[in-house]
Structure formats: C-alpha cells, structure tokens
Amino acid sequence: MDNSYDIIIRPVLTEKSMSGIENKVYTFVVDKKANKTQIKNALEKIYENLGIKVESVNTLNIRGKIKRQGKTSGRTPAYKKAVIKLTSDSKTITEFDSLN
C-alpha cells in the first residue's frame, strides 16, 4: 500500500468513540489488509503538520451483520477498525475538537 489515504478510510463517529477523544484515543475504519505498523505510519504521515505521535494501535476485524429482505438473507460488508492512542506529549487532532 503506497498511499496513506488508502489505508485510513474514515473516522468512526459514535458515542463511544467520541468519549475517548479527551484521552487522545481516536477510532478509524482502515483497510482490511493493513497491519498496525502501516496504520501508525499512515496516520503520522496524514497529520504530520500537526505533529502527532502514535503510542499504540489496536485493531478489530468486524464481521458484517446479517440482514434479511423477505426470505433472502445476506451480510453487510465486513471492515477493519483501528483504535489509536496518541502519546501524552502529542497534540490532538484538530478535526475532532469541534465535534466534542
């Protein structure tokens, strides 16, 4: 994977993920094939103008939920989620400050 924006797809904006922002914990949907090192490097490259430093990356593979339409059933797409904790001396991601 060569582009950082191909690895970090979008932020997760749920009530639980928003409560972690004050502790510098952010949640993103990432590419299913990306590993923790690639996710860390991509996030630091995207926000290098802010000077953030990633302390830890935890990943979760989320299976798609079963949905039914009459007698036909299928699944929503599966995805990978990354919970990223920044170091204590790192700056916050400013895009999330207005949401909290």
PDB file of N, CA and C in Angstrom:
ATOM      1  N   MET A   1       0.848  -1.174   0.000  1.00  0.00           N
ATOM      2  CA  MET A   1       0.000   0.000   0.000  1.00  0.00           C
ATOM      3  C   MET A   1       0.889   1.232   0.000  1.00  0.00           C
ATOM      4  N   ASP A   2       0.662   2.072  -0.949  1.00  0.00           N
ATOM      5  CA  ASP A   2       1.555   3.199  -1.115  1.00  0.00           C
ATOM      6  C   ASP A   2       0.971   4.518  -0.648  1.00  0.00           C
ATOM      7  N   ASN A   3      -0.328   4.648  -0.595  1.00  0.00           N
ATOM      8  CA  ASN A   3      -0.938   5.911  -0.237  1.00  0.00           C
ATOM      9  C   ASN A   3      -1.547   5.819   1.167  1.00  0.00           C
ATOM     10  N   SER A   4      -1.248   6.804   1.995  1.00  0.00           N
ATOM     11  CA  SER A   4      -1.766   6.814   3.366  1.00  0.00           C
ATOM     12  C   SER A   4      -3.282   6.927   3.399  1.00  0.00           C
ATOM     13  N   TYR A   5      -3.851   7.610   2.399  1.00  0.00           N
ATOM     14  CA  TYR A   5      -5.298   7.780   2.364  1.00  0.00           C
ATOM     15  C   TYR A   5      -6.006   6.511   1.908  1.00  0.00           C
ATOM     16  N   ASP A   6      -5.282   5.537   1.350  1.00  0.00           N
ATOM     17  CA  ASP A   6      -5.865   4.233   1.037  1.00  0.00           C
ATOM     18  C   ASP A   6      -5.938   3.360   2.279  1.00  0.00           C
ATOM     19  N   ILE A   7      -5.076   3.615   3.260  1.00  0.00           N
ATOM     20  CA  ILE A   7      -5.055   2.820   4.494  1.00  0.00           C
ATOM     21  C   ILE A   7      -6.092   3.343   5.484  1.00  0.00           C
ATOM     22  N   ILE A   8      -6.072   4.654   5.763  1.00  0.00           N
ATOM     23  CA  ILE A   8      -7.043   5.272   6.677  1.00  0.00           C
ATOM     24  C   ILE A   8      -8.252   5.679   5.838  1.00  0.00           C
ATOM     25  N   ILE A   9      -9.383   4.993   6.023  1.00  0.00           N
ATOM     26  CA  ILE A   9     -10.545   5.237   5.167  1.00  0.00           C
ATOM     27  C   ILE A   9     -11.410   6.369   5.711  1.00  0.00           C
ATOM     28  N   ARG A  10     -11.838   6.261   6.985  1.00  0.00           N
ATOM     29  CA  ARG A  10     -12.691   7.310   7.556  1.00  0.00           C
ATOM     30  C   ARG A  10     -12.691   7.167   9.069  1.00  0.00           C
ATOM     31  N   PRO A  11     -13.029   8.237   9.790  1.00  0.00           N
ATOM     32  CA  PRO A  11     -13.142   8.128  11.249  1.00  0.00           C
ATOM     33  C   PRO A  11     -14.470   7.490  11.642  1.00  0.00           C
ATOM     34  N   VAL A  12     -14.488   6.890  12.808  1.00  0.00           N
ATOM     35  CA  VAL A  12     -15.715   6.328  13.374  1.00  0.00           C
ATOM     36  C   VAL A  12     -16.253   7.360  14.362  1.00  0.00           C
ATOM     37  N   LEU A  13     -17.463   7.845  14.118  1.00  0.00           N
ATOM     38  CA  LEU A  13     -18.048   8.893  14.950  1.00  0.00           C
ATOM     39  C   LEU A  13     -19.254   8.340  15.695  1.00  0.00           C
ATOM     40  N   THR A  14     -18.990   7.562  16.729  1.00  0.00           N
ATOM     41  CA  THR A  14     -20.048   7.027  17.573  1.00  0.00           C
ATOM     42  C   THR A  14     -19.912   7.639  18.961  1.00  0.00           C
ATOM     43  N   GLU A  15     -20.894   7.381  19.784  1.00  0.00           N
ATOM     44  CA  GLU A  15     -20.877   7.939  21.137  1.00  0.00           C
ATOM     45  C   GLU A  15     -19.684   7.403  21.935  1.00  0.00           C
ATOM     46  N   LYS A  16     -19.386   6.127  21.761  1.00  0.00           N
ATOM     47  CA  LYS A  16     -18.278   5.518  22.486  1.00  0.00           C
ATOM     48  C   LYS A  16     -16.930   6.047  21.993  1.00  0.00           C
ATOM     49  N   SER A  17     -16.786   6.197  20.677  1.00  0.00           N
ATOM     50  CA  SER A  17     -15.515   6.686  20.157  1.00  0.00           C
ATOM     51  C   SER A  17     -15.302   8.166  20.485  1.00  0.00           C
ATOM     52  N   MET A  18     -16.374   8.916  20.590  1.00  0.00           N
ATOM     53  CA  MET A  18     -16.248  10.339  20.918  1.00  0.00           C
ATOM     54  C   MET A  18     -15.831  10.542  22.374  1.00  0.00           C
ATOM     55  N   SER A  19     -16.174   9.598  23.252  1.00  0.00           N
ATOM     56  CA  SER A  19     -15.787   9.740  24.656  1.00  0.00           C
ATOM     57  C   SER A  19     -14.286   9.544  24.856  1.00  0.00           C
ATOM     58  N   GLY A  20     -13.609   8.901  23.928  1.00  0.00           N
ATOM     59  CA  GLY A  20     -12.174   8.686  24.048  1.00  0.00           C
ATOM     60  C   GLY A  20     -11.331   9.836  23.562  1.00  0.00           C
ATOM     61  N   ILE A  21     -11.931  10.815  22.899  1.00  0.00           N
ATOM     62  CA  ILE A  21     -11.161  11.919  22.312  1.00  0.00           C
ATOM     63  C   ILE A  21     -10.451  12.738  23.382  1.00  0.00           C
ATOM     64  N   GLU A  22     -11.073  12.929  24.544  1.00  0.00           N
ATOM     65  CA  GLU A  22     -10.432  13.724  25.594  1.00  0.00           C
ATOM     66  C   GLU A  22      -9.195  13.023  26.157  1.00  0.00           C
ATOM     67  N   ASN A  23      -9.090  11.688  25.970  1.00  0.00           N
ATOM     68  CA  ASN A  23      -7.909  10.933  26.397  1.00  0.00           C
ATOM     69  C   ASN A  23      -6.951  10.674  25.244  1.00  0.00           C
ATOM     70  N   LYS A  24      -7.150  11.362  24.117  1.00  0.00           N
ATOM     71  CA  LYS A  24      -6.339  11.217  22.906  1.00  0.00           C
ATOM     72  C   LYS A  24      -6.433   9.808  22.325  1.00  0.00           C
ATOM     73  N   VAL A  25      -7.637   9.255  22.318  1.00  0.00           N
ATOM     74  CA  VAL A  25      -7.901   7.955  21.712  1.00  0.00           C
ATOM     75  C   VAL A  25      -8.884   8.183  20.564  1.00  0.00           C
ATOM     76  N   TYR A  26      -8.471   7.799  19.351  1.00  0.00           N
ATOM     77  CA  TYR A  26      -9.272   8.024  18.150  1.00  0.00           C
ATOM     78  C   TYR A  26      -9.545   6.694  17.467  1.00  0.00           C
ATOM     79  N   THR A  27     -10.686   6.592  16.786  1.00  0.00           N
ATOM     80  CA  THR A  27     -11.090   5.361  16.116  1.00  0.00           C
ATOM     81  C   THR A  27     -11.286   5.641  14.630  1.00  0.00           C
ATOM     82  N   PHE A  28     -10.716   4.761  13.794  1.00  0.00           N
ATOM     83  CA  PHE A  28     -10.801   4.903  12.346  1.00  0.00           C
ATOM     84  C   PHE A  28     -11.157   3.566  11.719  1.00  0.00           C
ATOM     85  N   VAL A  29     -11.857   3.612  10.574  1.00  0.00           N
ATOM     86  CA  VAL A  29     -12.032   2.444   9.721  1.00  0.00           C
ATOM     87  C   VAL A  29     -10.821   2.419   8.801  1.00  0.00           C
ATOM     88  N   VAL A  30     -10.154   1.262   8.731  1.00  0.00           N
ATOM     89  CA  VAL A  30      -8.924   1.151   7.947  1.00  0.00           C
ATOM     90  C   VAL A  30      -9.068   0.024   6.931  1.00  0.00           C
ATOM     91  N   ASP A  31      -8.114  -0.054   6.024  1.00  0.00           N
ATOM     92  CA  ASP A  31      -8.093  -1.108   5.017  1.00  0.00           C
ATOM     93  C   ASP A  31      -7.940  -2.472   5.694  1.00  0.00           C
ATOM     94  N   LYS A  32      -8.639  -3.484   5.188  1.00  0.00           N
ATOM     95  CA  LYS A  32      -8.639  -4.796   5.831  1.00  0.00           C
ATOM     96  C   LYS A  32      -7.272  -5.474   5.789  1.00  0.00           C
ATOM     97  N   LYS A  33      -6.433  -5.107   4.823  1.00  0.00           N
ATOM     98  CA  LYS A  33      -5.130  -5.758   4.687  1.00  0.00           C
ATOM     99  C   LYS A  33      -4.011  -5.013   5.411  1.00  0.00           C
ATOM    100  N   ALA A  34      -4.308  -3.869   5.990  1.00  0.00           N
ATOM    101  CA  ALA A  34      -3.273  -3.060   6.643  1.00  0.00           C
ATOM    102  C   ALA A  34      -2.928  -3.629   8.011  1.00  0.00           C
ATOM    103  N   ASN A  35      -1.624  -3.606   8.349  1.00  0.00           N
ATOM    104  CA  ASN A  35      -1.213  -4.044   9.682  1.00  0.00           C
ATOM    105  C   ASN A  35      -1.006  -2.815  10.575  1.00  0.00           C
ATOM    106  N   LYS A  36      -0.669  -3.056  11.839  1.00  0.00           N
ATOM    107  CA  LYS A  36      -0.593  -1.966  12.814  1.00  0.00           C
ATOM    108  C   LYS A  36       0.509  -0.967  12.473  1.00  0.00           C
ATOM    109  N   THR A  37       1.635  -1.450  11.975  1.00  0.00           N
ATOM    110  CA  THR A  37       2.736  -0.549  11.617  1.00  0.00           C
ATOM    111  C   THR A  37       2.352   0.349  10.456  1.00  0.00           C
ATOM    112  N   GLN A  38       1.688  -0.207   9.447  1.00  0.00           N
ATOM    113  CA  GLN A  38       1.244   0.596   8.308  1.00  0.00           C
ATOM    114  C   GLN A  38       0.217   1.639   8.735  1.00  0.00           C
ATOM    115  N   ILE A  39      -0.684   1.262   9.646  1.00  0.00           N
ATOM    116  CA  ILE A  39      -1.698   2.195  10.133  1.00  0.00           C
ATOM    117  C   ILE A  39      -1.035   3.338  10.889  1.00  0.00           C
ATOM    118  N   LYS A  40      -0.075   3.022  11.749  1.00  0.00           N
ATOM    119  CA  LYS A  40       0.645   4.044  12.524  1.00  0.00           C
ATOM    120  C   LYS A  40       1.380   5.005  11.597  1.00  0.00           C
ATOM    121  N   ASN A  41       2.113   4.479  10.623  1.00  0.00           N
ATOM    122  CA  ASN A  41       2.868   5.334   9.706  1.00  0.00           C
ATOM    123  C   ASN A  41       1.943   6.188   8.843  1.00  0.00           C
ATOM    124  N   ALA A  42       0.812   5.619   8.409  1.00  0.00           N
ATOM    125  CA  ALA A  42      -0.132   6.373   7.578  1.00  0.00           C
ATOM    126  C   ALA A  42      -0.750   7.528   8.358  1.00  0.00           C
ATOM    127  N   LEU A  43      -1.129   7.287   9.610  1.00  0.00           N
ATOM    128  CA  LEU A  43      -1.744   8.339  10.422  1.00  0.00           C
ATOM    129  C   LEU A  43      -0.750   9.456  10.726  1.00  0.00           C
ATOM    130  N   GLU A  44       0.493   9.091  11.034  1.00  0.00           N
ATOM    131  CA  GLU A  44       1.509  10.108  11.302  1.00  0.00           C
ATOM    132  C   GLU A  44       1.838  10.907  10.046  1.00  0.00           C
ATOM    133  N   LYS A  45       1.753  10.277   8.869  1.00  0.00           N
ATOM    134  CA  LYS A  45       2.013  10.990   7.623  1.00  0.00           C
ATOM    135  C   LYS A  45       0.862  11.936   7.274  1.00  0.00           C
ATOM    136  N   ILE A  46      -0.381  11.494   7.489  1.00  0.00           N
ATOM    137  CA  ILE A  46      -1.540  12.331   7.173  1.00  0.00           C
ATOM    138  C   ILE A  46      -1.559  13.580   8.058  1.00  0.00           C
ATOM    139  N   TYR A  47      -1.260  13.412   9.340  1.00  0.00           N
ATOM    140  CA  TYR A  47      -1.319  14.522  10.287  1.00  0.00           C
ATOM    141  C   TYR A  47       0.071  15.005  10.695  1.00  0.00           C
ATOM    142  N   GLU A  48       1.052  14.945   9.773  1.00  0.00           N
ATOM    143  CA  GLU A  48       2.411  15.365  10.117  1.00  0.00           C
ATOM    144  C   GLU A  48       2.503  16.871  10.366  1.00  0.00           C
ATOM    145  N   ASN A  49       1.613  17.663   9.763  1.00  0.00           N
ATOM    146  CA  ASN A  49       1.634  19.105  10.016  1.00  0.00           C
ATOM    147  C   ASN A  49       1.176  19.439  11.436  1.00  0.00           C
ATOM    148  N   LEU A  50       0.424  18.529  12.088  1.00  0.00           N
ATOM    149  CA  LEU A  50       0.006  18.736  13.477  1.00  0.00           C
ATOM    150  C   LEU A  50       1.050  18.234  14.464  1.00  0.00           C
ATOM    151  N   GLY A  51       1.946  17.382  14.002  1.00  0.00           N
ATOM    152  CA  GLY A  51       2.987  16.857  14.882  1.00  0.00           C
ATOM    153  C   GLY A  51       2.488  15.828  15.869  1.00  0.00           C
ATOM    154  N   ILE A  52       1.627  14.900  15.417  1.00  0.00           N
ATOM    155  CA  ILE A  52       1.128  13.877  16.328  1.00  0.00           C
ATOM    156  C   ILE A  52       2.087  12.689  16.351  1.00  0.00           C
ATOM    157  N   LYS A  53       2.102  11.990  17.482  1.00  0.00           N
ATOM    158  CA  LYS A  53       2.889  10.774  17.639  1.00  0.00           C
ATOM    159  C   LYS A  53       1.969   9.684  18.175  1.00  0.00           C
ATOM    160  N   VAL A  54       1.963   8.533  17.519  1.00  0.00           N
ATOM    161  CA  VAL A  54       1.091   7.431  17.904  1.00  0.00           C
ATOM    162  C   VAL A  54       1.792   6.570  18.951  1.00  0.00           C
ATOM    163  N   GLU A  55       1.098   6.318  20.054  1.00  0.00           N
ATOM    164  CA  GLU A  55       1.648   5.460  21.103  1.00  0.00           C
ATOM    165  C   GLU A  55       1.301   4.000  20.852  1.00  0.00           C
ATOM    166  N   SER A  56       0.018   3.714  20.546  1.00  0.00           N
ATOM    167  CA  SER A  56      -0.387   2.326  20.320  1.00  0.00           C
ATOM    168  C   SER A  56      -1.523   2.270  19.310  1.00  0.00           C
ATOM    169  N   VAL A  57      -1.621   1.106  18.648  1.00  0.00           N
ATOM    170  CA  VAL A  57      -2.680   0.846  17.682  1.00  0.00           C
ATOM    171  C   VAL A  57      -3.296  -0.501  18.019  1.00  0.00           C
ATOM    172  N   ASN A  58      -4.600  -0.530  18.245  1.00  0.00           N
ATOM    173  CA  ASN A  58      -5.338  -1.778  18.446  1.00  0.00           C
ATOM    174  C   ASN A  58      -6.304  -1.937  17.280  1.00  0.00           C
ATOM    175  N   THR A  59      -6.360  -3.141  16.707  1.00  0.00           N
ATOM    176  CA  THR A  59      -7.220  -3.374  15.551  1.00  0.00           C
ATOM    177  C   THR A  59      -8.280  -4.411  15.869  1.00  0.00           C
ATOM    178  N   LEU A  60      -9.426  -4.275  15.203  1.00  0.00           N
ATOM    179  CA  LEU A  60     -10.541  -5.207  15.336  1.00  0.00           C
ATOM    180  C   LEU A  60     -11.086  -5.507  13.953  1.00  0.00           C
ATOM    181  N   ASN A  61     -11.316  -6.776  13.647  1.00  0.00           N
ATOM    182  CA  ASN A  61     -11.987  -7.158  12.414  1.00  0.00           C
ATOM    183  C   ASN A  61     -13.467  -7.322  12.727  1.00  0.00           C
ATOM    184  N   ILE A  62     -14.303  -6.510  12.098  1.00  0.00           N
ATOM    185  CA  ILE A  62     -15.738  -6.505  12.347  1.00  0.00           C
ATOM    186  C   ILE A  62     -16.429  -7.288  11.238  1.00  0.00           C
ATOM    187  N   ARG A  63     -17.145  -8.349  11.610  1.00  0.00           N
ATOM    188  CA  ARG A  63     -17.903  -9.122  10.624  1.00  0.00           C
ATOM    189  C   ARG A  63     -19.167  -8.371  10.251  1.00  0.00           C
ATOM    190  N   GLY A  64     -19.625  -8.583   9.032  1.00  0.00           N
ATOM    191  CA  GLY A  64     -20.852  -7.947   8.586  1.00  0.00           C
ATOM    192  C   GLY A  64     -22.064  -8.530   9.283  1.00  0.00           C
ATOM    193  N   LYS A  65     -23.055  -7.699   9.524  1.00  0.00           N
ATOM    194  CA  LYS A  65     -24.282  -8.151  10.177  1.00  0.00           C
ATOM    195  C   LYS A  65     -25.196  -8.818   9.148  1.00  0.00           C
ATOM    196  N   ILE A  66     -25.968  -9.786   9.609  1.00  0.00           N
ATOM    197  CA  ILE A  66     -26.917 -10.462   8.732  1.00  0.00           C
ATOM    198  C   ILE A  66     -28.155  -9.580   8.585  1.00  0.00           C
ATOM    199  N   LYS A  67     -28.536  -9.322   7.354  1.00  0.00           N
ATOM    200  CA  LYS A  67     -29.728  -8.534   7.045  1.00  0.00           C
ATOM    201  C   LYS A  67     -30.656  -9.384   6.189  1.00  0.00           C
ATOM    202  N   ARG A  68     -31.954  -9.236   6.414  1.00  0.00           N
ATOM    203  CA  ARG A  68     -32.942 -10.008   5.658  1.00  0.00           C
ATOM    204  C   ARG A  68     -33.838  -9.081   4.854  1.00  0.00           C
ATOM    205  N   GLN A  69     -34.181  -9.557   3.661  1.00  0.00           N
ATOM    206  CA  GLN A  69     -35.152  -8.884   2.808  1.00  0.00           C
ATOM    207  C   GLN A  69     -36.126  -9.966   2.374  1.00  0.00           C
ATOM    208  N   GLY A  70     -37.213 -10.118   3.108  1.00  0.00           N
ATOM    209  CA  GLY A  70     -38.126 -11.219   2.836  1.00  0.00           C
ATOM    210  C   GLY A  70     -37.481 -12.534   3.239  1.00  0.00           C
ATOM    211  N   LYS A  71     -37.466 -13.516   2.331  1.00  0.00           N
ATOM    212  CA  LYS A  71     -36.831 -14.792   2.661  1.00  0.00           C
ATOM    213  C   LYS A  71     -35.352 -14.813   2.285  1.00  0.00           C
ATOM    214  N   THR A  72     -34.878 -13.786   1.616  1.00  0.00           N
ATOM    215  CA  THR A  72     -33.474 -13.716   1.213  1.00  0.00           C
ATOM    216  C   THR A  72     -32.674 -13.051   2.321  1.00  0.00           C
ATOM    217  N   SER A  73     -31.524 -13.622   2.640  1.00  0.00           N
ATOM    218  CA  SER A  73     -30.670 -13.007   3.661  1.00  0.00           C
ATOM    219  C   SER A  73     -29.270 -12.822   3.093  1.00  0.00           C
ATOM    220  N   GLY A  74     -28.587 -11.825   3.602  1.00  0.00           N
ATOM    221  CA  GLY A  74     -27.220 -11.525   3.183  1.00  0.00           C
ATOM    222  C   GLY A  74     -26.514 -10.806   4.306  1.00  0.00           C
ATOM    223  N   ARG A  75     -25.290 -10.422   4.056  1.00  0.00           N
ATOM    224  CA  ARG A  75     -24.497  -9.738   5.071  1.00  0.00           C
ATOM    225  C   ARG A  75     -24.087  -8.350   4.589  1.00  0.00           C
ATOM    226  N   THR A  76     -23.985  -7.429   5.534  1.00  0.00           N
ATOM    227  CA  THR A  76     -23.382  -6.138   5.229  1.00  0.00           C
ATOM    228  C   THR A  76     -21.874  -6.351   5.107  1.00  0.00           C
ATOM    229  N   PRO A  77     -21.155  -5.455   4.474  1.00  0.00           N
ATOM    230  CA  PRO A  77     -19.720  -5.665   4.286  1.00  0.00           C
ATOM    231  C   PRO A  77     -18.960  -5.692   5.616  1.00  0.00           C
ATOM    232  N   ALA A  78     -17.959  -6.564   5.690  1.00  0.00           N
ATOM    233  CA  ALA A  78     -17.071  -6.608   6.851  1.00  0.00           C
ATOM    234  C   ALA A  78     -16.039  -5.490   6.708  1.00  0.00           C
ATOM    235  N   TYR A  79     -15.479  -5.037   7.831  1.00  0.00           N
ATOM    236  CA  TYR A  79     -14.465  -3.987   7.789  1.00  0.00           C
ATOM    237  C   TYR A  79     -13.516  -4.147   8.958  1.00  0.00           C
ATOM    238  N   LYS A  80     -12.431  -3.386   8.922  1.00  0.00           N
ATOM    239  CA  LYS A  80     -11.433  -3.407   9.990  1.00  0.00           C
ATOM    240  C   LYS A  80     -11.422  -2.045  10.660  1.00  0.00           C
ATOM    241  N   LYS A  81     -11.370  -2.060  11.994  1.00  0.00           N
ATOM    242  CA  LYS A  81     -11.408  -0.830  12.782  1.00  0.00           C
ATOM    243  C   LYS A  81     -10.117  -0.732  13.578  1.00  0.00           C
ATOM    244  N   ALA A  82      -9.555   0.468  13.678  1.00  0.00           N
ATOM    245  CA  ALA A  82      -8.337   0.689  14.450  1.00  0.00           C
ATOM    246  C   ALA A  82      -8.596   1.732  15.527  1.00  0.00           C
ATOM    247  N   VAL A  83      -8.203   1.401  16.759  1.00  0.00           N
ATOM    248  CA  VAL A  83      -8.299   2.330  17.878  1.00  0.00           C
ATOM    249  C   VAL A  83      -6.884   2.812  18.144  1.00  0.00           C
ATOM    250  N   ILE A  84      -6.664   4.122  17.978  1.00  0.00           N
ATOM    251  CA  ILE A  84      -5.327   4.699  18.018  1.00  0.00           C
ATOM    252  C   ILE A  84      -5.196   5.603  19.224  1.00  0.00           C
ATOM    253  N   LYS A  85      -4.162   5.365  20.022  1.00  0.00           N
ATOM    254  CA  LYS A  85      -3.880   6.191  21.194  1.00  0.00           C
ATOM    255  C   LYS A  85      -2.635   7.010  20.903  1.00  0.00           C
ATOM    256  N   LEU A  86      -2.738   8.327  21.110  1.00  0.00           N
ATOM    257  CA  LEU A  86      -1.604   9.216  20.902  1.00  0.00           C
ATOM    258  C   LEU A  86      -0.795   9.330  22.184  1.00  0.00           C
ATOM    259  N   THR A  87       0.471   9.724  22.052  1.00  0.00           N
ATOM    260  CA  THR A  87       1.315   9.910  23.228  1.00  0.00           C
ATOM    261  C   THR A  87       0.830  11.102  24.034  1.00  0.00           C
ATOM    262  N   SER A  88       1.230  11.169  25.298  1.00  0.00           N
ATOM    263  CA  SER A  88       0.748  12.237  26.179  1.00  0.00           C
ATOM    264  C   SER A  88       1.292  13.603  25.776  1.00  0.00           C
ATOM    265  N   ASP A  89       2.483  13.653  25.171  1.00  0.00           N
ATOM    266  CA  ASP A  89       3.045  14.946  24.754  1.00  0.00           C
ATOM    267  C   ASP A  89       2.628  15.324  23.339  1.00  0.00           C
ATOM    268  N   SER A  90       1.857  14.484  22.669  1.00  0.00           N
ATOM    269  CA  SER A  90       1.401  14.752  21.306  1.00  0.00           C
ATOM    270  C   SER A  90       0.239  15.747  21.317  1.00  0.00           C
ATOM    271  N   LYS A  91       0.099  16.463  20.218  1.00  0.00           N
ATOM    272  CA  LYS A  91      -1.039  17.374  20.071  1.00  0.00           C
ATOM    273  C   LYS A  91      -2.274  16.574  19.662  1.00  0.00           C
ATOM    274  N   THR A  92      -3.453  17.164  19.860  1.00  0.00           N
ATOM    275  CA  THR A  92      -4.697  16.496  19.472  1.00  0.00           C
ATOM    276  C   THR A  92      -4.947  16.720  17.986  1.00  0.00           C
ATOM    277  N   ILE A  93      -5.814  15.886  17.417  1.00  0.00           N
ATOM    278  CA  ILE A  93      -6.216  16.051  16.023  1.00  0.00           C
ATOM    279  C   ILE A  93      -7.313  17.106  15.995  1.00  0.00           C
ATOM    280  N   THR A  94      -7.055  18.227  15.332  1.00  0.00           N
ATOM    281  CA  THR A  94      -7.944  19.388  15.420  1.00  0.00           C
ATOM    282  C   THR A  94      -9.302  19.154  14.771  1.00  0.00           C
ATOM    283  N   GLU A  95      -9.407  18.240  13.815  1.00  0.00           N
ATOM    284  CA  GLU A  95     -10.693  17.983  13.164  1.00  0.00           C
ATOM    285  C   GLU A  95     -11.718  17.432  14.157  1.00  0.00           C
ATOM    286  N   PHE A  96     -11.264  16.761  15.197  1.00  0.00           N
ATOM    287  CA  PHE A  96     -12.165  16.179  16.172  1.00  0.00           C
ATOM    288  C   PHE A  96     -12.520  17.159  17.304  1.00  0.00           C
ATOM    289  N   ASP A  97     -11.779  18.244  17.458  1.00  0.00           N
ATOM    290  CA  ASP A  97     -12.021  19.160  18.554  1.00  0.00           C
ATOM    291  C   ASP A  97     -13.397  19.816  18.461  1.00  0.00           C
ATOM    292  N   SER A  98     -13.849  20.133  17.263  1.00  0.00           N
ATOM    293  CA  SER A  98     -15.133  20.807  17.122  1.00  0.00           C
ATOM    294  C   SER A  98     -16.305  19.839  17.349  1.00  0.00           C
ATOM    295  N   LEU A  99     -16.061  18.526  17.254  1.00  0.00           N
ATOM    296  CA  LEU A  99     -17.131  17.548  17.436  1.00  0.00           C
ATOM    297  C   LEU A  99     -17.402  17.254  18.901  1.00  0.00           C
ATOM    298  N   ASN A 100     -16.401  17.394  19.735  1.00  0.00           N
ATOM    299  CA  ASN A 100     -16.525  17.016  21.133  1.00  0.00           C
ATOM    300  C   ASN A 100     -17.217  18.058  21.974  1.00  0.00           C
TER     301      ASN A 100
END
